[in-house]
Amino acid sequence: MVWASDERVCIPVDHRVIEVPKDRERQIYVWNQGYGTDEVRSLLAENGFSKVEHFADVAGKTYREDSKVIAAIAGR
């Protein structure tokens, strides 16, 4: 869904809205990437994080293999 007012064009992107003035041209690139727990742990380890805990939501629900969300807390 894209909508426009008199001054702006608004484009929702992955649960966000980007507002662009109508008189300005913009190119917007969006890459969505899904990760599993092993990939998250590996990416964090590559950047110096060794202590990683996974949860099923940001409130700390226990992560299971069938969880649709991965929330991670990482420490060095």
Protein backbone atom coordinates (compact mmCIF):
# COMPACT_ATOMS: atom_id res chain seq x y z
CA MET A 1 0.00 0.00 0.00
CA VAL A 2 1.34 3.41 -0.98
CA TRP A 3 -0.45 6.65 -0.16
CA ALA A 4 0.22 10.26 -0.95
CA SER A 5 -0.69 13.58 0.57
CA ASP A 6 -0.23 16.95 -1.13
CA GLU A 7 3.40 17.07 0.01
CA ARG A 8 4.63 13.53 0.58
CA VAL A 9 4.52 10.00 -0.75
CA CYS A 10 4.46 7.39 2.02
CA ILE A 11 5.58 3.81 1.51
CA PRO A 12 5.21 1.23 4.29
CA VAL A 13 8.31 -0.99 4.38
CA ASP A 14 8.54 -4.01 6.67
CA HIS A 15 6.37 -2.49 9.43
CA ARG A 16 7.85 0.98 8.95
CA VAL A 17 6.68 3.95 6.96
CA ILE A 18 9.16 5.95 4.91
CA GLU A 19 7.99 9.45 4.05
CA VAL A 20 9.56 11.04 0.99
CA PRO A 21 8.88 14.64 -0.06
CA LYS A 22 7.14 14.60 -3.44
CA ASP A 23 9.73 16.89 -5.01
CA ARG A 24 12.64 14.54 -4.11
CA GLU A 25 13.47 11.27 -5.83
CA ARG A 26 14.60 8.38 -3.66
CA GLN A 27 15.53 4.78 -4.32
CA ILE A 28 14.76 2.49 -1.41
CA TYR A 29 16.27 -0.99 -1.23
CA VAL A 30 14.91 -3.48 1.30
CA TRP A 31 16.54 -6.82 1.94
CA ASN A 32 14.74 -9.18 4.28
CA GLN A 33 16.80 -12.01 5.65
CA GLY A 34 15.65 -14.78 7.96
CA TYR A 35 18.10 -16.35 10.41
CA GLY A 36 18.09 -19.49 12.54
CA THR A 37 19.61 -19.69 16.01
CA ASP A 38 22.87 -21.19 14.69
CA GLU A 39 23.25 -18.34 12.18
CA VAL A 40 22.49 -15.71 14.84
CA ARG A 41 25.04 -17.27 17.20
CA SER A 42 27.65 -17.44 14.41
CA LEU A 43 27.12 -13.81 13.32
CA LEU A 44 27.36 -12.62 16.91
CA ALA A 45 30.52 -14.72 17.51
CA GLU A 46 32.13 -13.16 14.41
CA ASN A 47 31.60 -9.79 16.07
CA GLY A 48 33.04 -10.68 19.47
CA PHE A 49 29.96 -11.93 21.34
CA SER A 50 30.36 -15.27 23.10
CA LYS A 51 27.45 -15.39 25.56
CA VAL A 52 24.20 -15.80 23.59
CA GLU A 53 20.75 -16.69 24.86
CA HIS A 54 17.74 -17.20 22.59
CA PHE A 55 14.10 -16.55 23.44
CA ALA A 56 10.78 -16.88 21.59
CA ASP A 57 9.90 -13.21 22.11
CA VAL A 58 11.34 -10.03 23.60
CA ALA A 59 9.59 -10.76 26.93
CA GLY A 60 11.81 -13.82 27.51
CA LYS A 61 9.46 -16.67 26.55
CA THR A 62 11.34 -19.97 26.24
CA TYR A 63 12.61 -20.58 22.71
CA ARG A 64 11.49 -23.79 20.97
CA GLU A 65 12.36 -25.13 17.52
CA ASP A 66 8.86 -24.23 16.28
CA SER A 67 8.99 -20.62 17.59
CA LYS A 68 8.23 -18.05 14.90
CA VAL A 69 10.42 -15.35 16.50
CA ILE A 70 14.00 -15.43 17.72
CA ALA A 71 15.03 -12.86 20.28
CA ALA A 72 18.67 -12.93 21.35
CA ILE A 73 20.60 -11.45 24.24
CA ALA A 74 24.35 -11.43 23.72
CA GLY A 75 27.33 -10.49 25.85
CA ARG A 76 31.08 -10.34 25.45
